Protein backbone atom coordinates (compact mmCIF):
# COMPACT_ATOMS: atom_id res chain seq x y z
CA MET A 1 -10.04 -43.48 9.31
CA ALA A 2 -10.69 -39.81 8.70
CA THR A 3 -9.01 -38.36 5.49
CA THR A 4 -7.83 -34.75 5.24
CA GLU A 5 -8.73 -32.65 1.79
CA HIS A 6 -5.60 -31.49 0.62
CA THR A 7 -6.31 -27.74 0.16
CA GLU A 8 -2.96 -27.15 1.95
CA GLU A 9 -4.76 -24.60 4.56
CA VAL A 10 -2.53 -22.20 5.77
CA THR A 11 -3.19 -20.26 8.93
CA ALA A 12 -3.10 -16.38 8.80
CA PRO A 13 -3.76 -14.01 12.18
CA GLY A 14 -6.84 -14.53 12.96
CA ARG A 15 -8.84 -16.14 9.10
CA TYR A 16 -7.58 -19.32 6.99
CA ARG A 17 -6.11 -18.73 3.53
CA ILE A 18 -6.84 -21.65 1.15
CA GLN A 19 -4.46 -22.24 -0.93
CA ALA A 20 -5.89 -23.69 -4.08
CA VAL A 21 -7.88 -20.02 -4.19
CA GLU A 22 -4.87 -18.11 -3.90
CA ARG A 23 -3.79 -19.61 -6.53
CA VAL A 24 -6.85 -19.41 -8.58
CA GLY A 25 -6.15 -15.38 -8.23
CA ALA A 26 -2.90 -15.75 -9.35
CA ILE A 27 -3.75 -17.32 -12.30
CA LEU A 28 -6.20 -14.78 -13.51
CA ASP A 29 -3.76 -11.93 -12.32
CA VAL A 30 -1.57 -12.67 -15.28
CA PHE A 31 -3.90 -11.71 -17.49
CA THR A 32 -3.42 -8.46 -18.80
CA THR A 33 -3.95 -5.74 -21.64
CA GLU A 34 -0.40 -6.39 -22.74
CA HIS A 35 -0.84 -10.16 -22.51
CA PRO A 36 -4.39 -11.04 -22.78
CA GLU A 37 -3.98 -14.54 -23.73
CA LEU A 38 -1.18 -17.13 -22.69
CA GLY A 39 -0.36 -20.57 -22.79
CA VAL A 40 0.01 -22.96 -20.35
CA THR A 41 3.84 -22.50 -20.19
CA GLU A 42 3.86 -18.75 -19.66
CA ILE A 43 1.19 -19.30 -17.04
CA ALA A 44 3.15 -21.20 -15.29
CA GLU A 45 5.95 -19.56 -15.38
CA ARG A 46 4.55 -16.38 -14.41
CA THR A 47 2.44 -17.94 -11.16
CA GLY A 48 5.49 -19.91 -10.28
CA LEU A 49 3.55 -23.18 -10.70
CA HIS A 50 4.39 -26.84 -12.00
CA LYS A 51 3.20 -27.00 -15.31
CA SER A 52 0.77 -29.78 -14.58
CA THR A 53 -0.58 -28.06 -11.74
CA ALA A 54 -1.31 -25.17 -13.58
CA HIS A 55 -2.96 -26.98 -16.59
CA ARG A 56 -5.65 -28.54 -14.02
CA PHE A 57 -6.38 -25.13 -12.72
CA LEU A 58 -6.91 -23.53 -16.20
CA VAL A 59 -9.00 -26.96 -17.00
CA ASN A 60 -11.30 -26.07 -14.08
CA LEU A 61 -11.46 -22.40 -14.49
CA GLU A 62 -12.38 -23.08 -18.57
CA ALA A 63 -15.20 -25.16 -17.31
CA VAL A 64 -17.04 -22.75 -15.08
CA GLY A 65 -16.82 -19.72 -17.72
CA LEU A 66 -13.81 -17.90 -15.68
CA LEU A 67 -11.41 -18.60 -18.68
CA GLU A 68 -11.44 -19.45 -22.75
CA ARG A 69 -9.37 -21.55 -24.56
CA ASP A 70 -8.72 -20.76 -28.09
CA ALA A 71 -9.39 -23.81 -30.13
CA ARG A 72 -6.72 -22.94 -32.43
CA SER A 73 -3.90 -21.68 -30.65
CA GLN A 74 -4.78 -23.75 -27.34
CA ARG A 75 -3.90 -20.25 -25.78
CA TYR A 76 -6.29 -19.17 -22.39
CA ARG A 77 -7.74 -15.67 -22.33
CA LEU A 78 -10.25 -14.15 -19.50
CA GLY A 79 -13.66 -15.50 -20.22
CA LEU A 80 -17.10 -13.88 -20.38
CA ARG A 81 -18.28 -14.71 -16.79
CA MET A 82 -15.54 -12.32 -15.69
CA PHE A 83 -17.10 -9.64 -17.66
CA GLU A 84 -20.90 -10.15 -16.36
CA MET A 85 -19.26 -10.66 -12.99
CA GLY A 86 -17.35 -7.17 -13.74
CA GLY A 87 -20.39 -5.57 -14.64
CA ILE A 88 -22.30 -6.94 -11.36
CA VAL A 89 -19.37 -5.12 -9.50
CA LEU A 90 -19.64 -1.86 -11.58
CA GLU A 91 -23.63 -1.64 -11.41
CA GLN A 92 -23.43 -1.67 -7.12
CA MET A 93 -20.69 0.88 -6.85
CA SER A 94 -21.75 4.18 -6.15
CA LEU A 95 -19.48 7.08 -7.45
CA TRP A 96 -20.44 9.23 -4.41
CA ASP A 97 -19.26 6.52 -1.92
CA GLU A 98 -15.94 5.63 -3.67
CA ALA A 99 -15.14 9.28 -4.53
CA LEU A 100 -15.50 10.63 -0.86
CA PRO A 101 -12.31 8.83 0.39
CA TYR A 102 -10.03 10.23 -2.19
CA LEU A 103 -11.80 13.47 -1.84
CA GLU A 104 -10.99 13.48 2.00
CA GLN A 105 -7.74 12.71 1.21
CA LEU A 106 -7.12 15.21 -1.50
CA VAL A 107 -8.16 17.88 0.66
CA SER A 108 -6.05 16.67 3.45
CA ALA A 109 -2.94 16.98 1.72
CA SER A 110 -4.10 20.19 -0.19
CA GLY A 111 -5.70 22.12 2.39
CA GLU A 112 -8.22 23.44 0.18
CA THR A 113 -11.77 22.38 -0.83
CA GLY A 114 -12.24 19.47 -2.78
CA HIS A 115 -14.97 18.82 -5.54
CA LEU A 116 -16.81 16.17 -7.47
CA ALA A 117 -18.55 17.05 -10.68
CA VAL A 118 -20.38 15.12 -13.25
CA LEU A 119 -21.63 16.83 -16.89
CA GLU A 120 -25.09 17.32 -16.94
CA ARG A 121 -27.04 19.02 -19.43
CA GLY A 122 -23.98 21.13 -20.20
CA GLU A 123 -23.06 21.83 -17.24
CA ALA A 124 -20.62 20.79 -14.43
CA ILE A 125 -22.76 19.26 -11.74
CA TYR A 126 -21.08 19.51 -8.22
CA ILE A 127 -22.07 16.16 -6.82
CA GLU A 128 -20.04 16.28 -3.80
CA LYS A 129 -17.83 19.11 -1.51
CA VAL A 130 -15.66 18.56 1.22
CA GLU A 131 -14.57 21.82 2.78
CA ALA A 132 -11.02 22.87 3.57
CA ARG A 133 -10.73 23.86 7.45
CA ARG A 134 -9.46 27.28 6.27
CA ALA A 135 -10.55 30.91 7.04
CA LEU A 136 -11.14 31.45 2.97
CA ARG A 137 -13.87 28.73 1.11
CA ILE A 138 -15.06 28.84 -2.20
CA PRO A 139 -18.79 29.63 -2.50
CA SER A 140 -20.11 26.72 -4.46
CA ALA A 141 -23.35 24.91 -3.80
CA MET A 142 -23.85 21.16 -4.21
CA GLY A 143 -26.77 19.99 -7.01
CA ARG A 144 -26.03 23.26 -8.48
CA GLY A 145 -24.65 23.82 -12.70
CA TYR A 146 -21.71 25.41 -13.36
CA PRO A 147 -20.54 27.23 -16.72
CA ALA A 148 -18.34 23.73 -18.28
CA HIS A 149 -15.78 26.37 -19.79
CA ALA A 150 -14.80 28.53 -17.31
CA THR A 151 -14.34 25.92 -14.60
CA SER A 152 -11.34 23.27 -14.09
CA LEU A 153 -14.40 20.38 -13.93
CA GLY A 154 -16.03 21.23 -16.52
CA LYS A 155 -13.52 21.93 -18.45
CA VAL A 156 -11.98 18.43 -17.81
CA LEU A 157 -15.48 16.99 -18.06
CA LEU A 158 -15.42 18.32 -21.70
CA SER A 159 -11.98 17.02 -22.55
CA GLY A 160 -13.50 13.90 -22.74
CA LEU A 161 -15.88 14.79 -25.49
CA GLY A 162 -15.11 15.01 -29.22
CA GLU A 163 -15.27 18.43 -30.94
CA ASP A 164 -18.68 18.41 -32.63
CA GLU A 165 -20.21 17.49 -28.94
CA VAL A 166 -18.19 20.68 -27.52
CA ARG A 167 -19.07 22.71 -30.01
CA ASP A 168 -23.21 21.53 -29.42
CA ILE A 169 -22.70 22.33 -25.93
CA THR A 170 -21.29 26.21 -26.48
CA ASP A 171 -23.80 26.57 -29.34
CA ALA A 172 -26.72 25.18 -26.51
CA HIS A 173 -25.34 27.57 -23.61
CA GLY A 174 -23.09 30.15 -25.23
CA MET A 175 -19.52 31.16 -23.40
CA THR A 176 -20.37 33.95 -21.06
CA SER A 177 -17.41 36.11 -19.80
CA TYR A 178 -17.87 36.14 -16.08
CA THR A 179 -14.02 37.60 -15.55
CA SER A 180 -11.53 39.31 -17.78
CA THR A 181 -9.77 35.84 -18.03
CA THR A 182 -12.86 33.70 -19.42
CA THR A 183 -12.53 31.76 -22.73
CA THR A 184 -15.07 33.34 -24.46
CA ASP A 185 -13.84 31.76 -27.98
CA VAL A 186 -14.83 27.97 -28.84
CA ASP A 187 -11.50 27.40 -30.87
CA ARG A 188 -9.91 28.68 -28.15
CA LEU A 189 -11.48 26.61 -25.59
CA LEU A 190 -10.78 23.24 -27.95
CA ALA A 191 -7.14 24.12 -28.07
CA GLU A 192 -6.96 24.43 -23.87
CA LEU A 193 -9.40 20.93 -23.97
CA ALA A 194 -6.45 19.29 -25.89
CA ALA A 195 -4.05 20.65 -23.63
CA VAL A 196 -5.98 19.32 -20.72
CA ARG A 197 -5.84 15.77 -22.48
CA ASP A 198 -2.17 16.01 -22.46
CA GLN A 199 -1.19 17.36 -19.40
CA GLY A 200 -3.96 15.68 -17.58
CA TYR A 201 -5.49 18.18 -15.67
CA ALA A 202 -7.10 21.67 -16.03
CA VAL A 203 -6.74 25.11 -14.30
CA ASP A 204 -9.24 27.47 -13.76
CA ASP A 205 -7.43 30.48 -13.53
CA GLU A 206 -9.89 33.19 -11.88
CA GLU A 207 -12.07 32.20 -15.21
CA TYR A 208 -15.77 31.98 -13.11
CA ASP A 209 -14.92 33.89 -9.83
CA GLU A 210 -11.92 36.35 -9.63
CA GLY A 211 -10.06 35.91 -6.85
CA LEU A 212 -10.26 31.68 -7.26
CA ARG A 213 -7.79 29.42 -8.86
CA CYS A 214 -8.93 25.55 -9.15
CA VAL A 215 -7.31 22.82 -10.41
CA GLY A 216 -8.91 19.47 -11.64
CA ALA A 217 -8.43 16.10 -13.08
CA PRO A 218 -10.36 13.66 -14.74
CA ILE A 219 -12.20 9.88 -13.25
CA ARG A 220 -12.48 7.37 -15.73
CA ASP A 221 -14.85 4.51 -15.59
CA HIS A 222 -13.82 0.83 -16.79
CA THR A 223 -14.13 1.86 -20.66
CA GLY A 224 -11.59 4.34 -20.50
CA ARG A 225 -14.27 7.50 -20.56
CA VAL A 226 -14.30 10.12 -18.63
CA VAL A 227 -17.31 10.09 -16.08
CA ALA A 228 -16.46 12.61 -13.42
CA ALA A 229 -13.84 15.12 -12.31
CA ILE A 230 -12.19 15.76 -9.26
CA GLY A 231 -10.40 18.51 -8.28
CA ILE A 232 -9.79 21.36 -5.36
CA GLY A 233 -9.72 25.10 -5.02
CA GLY A 234 -9.25 28.29 -3.30
CA PRO A 235 -8.00 32.00 -3.03
CA VAL A 236 -5.28 32.84 -5.35
CA THR A 237 -2.99 34.16 -2.23
CA ARG A 238 -2.93 30.50 -1.17
CA VAL A 239 -3.48 28.48 -5.12
CA THR A 240 -0.52 30.52 -6.50
CA PRO A 241 0.90 29.83 -10.08
CA GLU A 242 4.03 28.37 -8.20
CA ARG A 243 1.64 25.97 -6.79
CA VAL A 244 -0.16 24.87 -9.19
CA ASP A 245 2.35 21.98 -10.22
CA GLU A 246 2.42 20.61 -6.80
CA LEU A 247 -1.39 20.79 -6.43
CA ALA A 248 -1.96 19.11 -9.81
CA GLN A 249 -0.25 16.01 -9.29
CA LEU A 250 -2.19 15.51 -5.93
CA VAL A 251 -5.69 15.82 -8.15
CA ILE A 252 -4.16 13.79 -10.70
CA ASP A 253 -3.15 11.25 -8.01
CA ALA A 254 -6.55 11.62 -6.55
CA ALA A 255 -8.10 11.02 -9.80
CA ASP A 256 -5.90 8.23 -10.83
CA GLY A 257 -6.72 6.29 -7.87
CA LEU A 258 -10.21 6.56 -7.88
CA SER A 259 -10.33 5.46 -11.76
CA ARG A 260 -8.28 2.47 -10.92
CA ARG A 261 -11.27 1.50 -8.56
CA LEU A 262 -14.01 1.86 -11.05
CA GLY A 263 -11.69 -0.38 -13.42
CA ALA A 264 -10.17 2.00 -15.72
CA SER A 265 -6.96 0.11 -15.43
CA GLN A 266 -7.85 -2.30 -17.79
CA SER A 267 -8.98 -0.15 -20.31
CA GLY A 268 -6.58 0.57 -23.02
CA ALA A 269 -7.95 3.93 -23.31
CA TYR A 270 -6.71 4.99 -19.63
CA THR A 271 -3.57 3.75 -20.06
CA ARG A 272 -2.53 6.11 -22.99
CA ALA A 273 -4.03 8.85 -21.09
CA ALA A 274 -2.14 8.00 -18.18
CA SER A 275 1.03 7.84 -20.00
CA ARG A 276 0.67 11.22 -21.69
CA VAL A 277 -0.04 12.44 -17.60
CA ARG A 278 3.20 10.60 -16.27
CA ALA A 279 5.25 12.16 -19.63
CA THR A 280 3.94 15.52 -18.62
CA THR A 281 4.04 15.98 -14.69
CA ASN A 282 7.76 14.46 -15.23
CA GLN A 283 8.99 17.21 -17.33
CA THR A 284 10.67 20.39 -15.63
CA PRO A 285 8.18 22.34 -13.59
CA ARG A 286 6.36 24.82 -15.92
CA PRO A 287 6.59 28.34 -15.84
CA SER A 288 3.20 30.56 -14.31
CA ALA A 289 2.64 31.91 -17.88
CA ALA A 290 1.68 28.56 -18.93
CA LEU A 291 -1.58 28.58 -17.13
CA ARG A 292 -2.77 31.00 -19.93
CA ALA A 293 -0.61 29.81 -22.77
CA VAL A 294 -3.59 27.92 -24.61
CA ARG A 295 -5.65 31.30 -24.79
């Protein structure tokens, strides 16, 4: 008589779900930044598994390196093999491919042109652009370097650096005045970057091109480091001071979604940054004068 392996396969529309695999996933999911180590009883309670069942899974996950057990406390934590596998995934990810859906959604929601940029040789290099279907558009070019001190995406990228690094960049590139509102003093720029870190976004208020206002937010990787910036921009007649808070939230949401996709949610640095952003954006809308408050 044939025997049936007791994996309790449950059918779903058109596919098979294996309960054992789902239980493995549930166990791995209980480990977080706040709870990096857990005992058998805690894991059983959090997953809803019987303690003996949880223990069997834990022993096997430890055997293949997905979990490690502290010899003294007997508590479990994620194993180095998880780190190795995560590194493979991150290496395979293309920032362009991952960012495009978020950029397209941001443009659709805002009605303004969207950009993706990275910091290279002290400049904000625009590596992706999605045009808004509007009569007035931003005259930006892909692959071109833009001054970091005078653009929203550039200021976002600079906000991820230390003060000495920012000073090195401004010393090397200068702080050219493009319009009457361009920040040309490094100390004033550093104050603005501190505000960018606190509120979670940057504004280019006609600082590079007269008649254009742009909003950008940081994209972070699995270490919490700012690796890119995403944002939108448009003519001041559409991107009015009254719309900045609304548009900033759309940009922050897109940046947060892409950051999580790149693994930033596992970073303590990202968690702290996200908490600051939520605290700022949940406040009463700021008056338009705040756009120039750091100058």
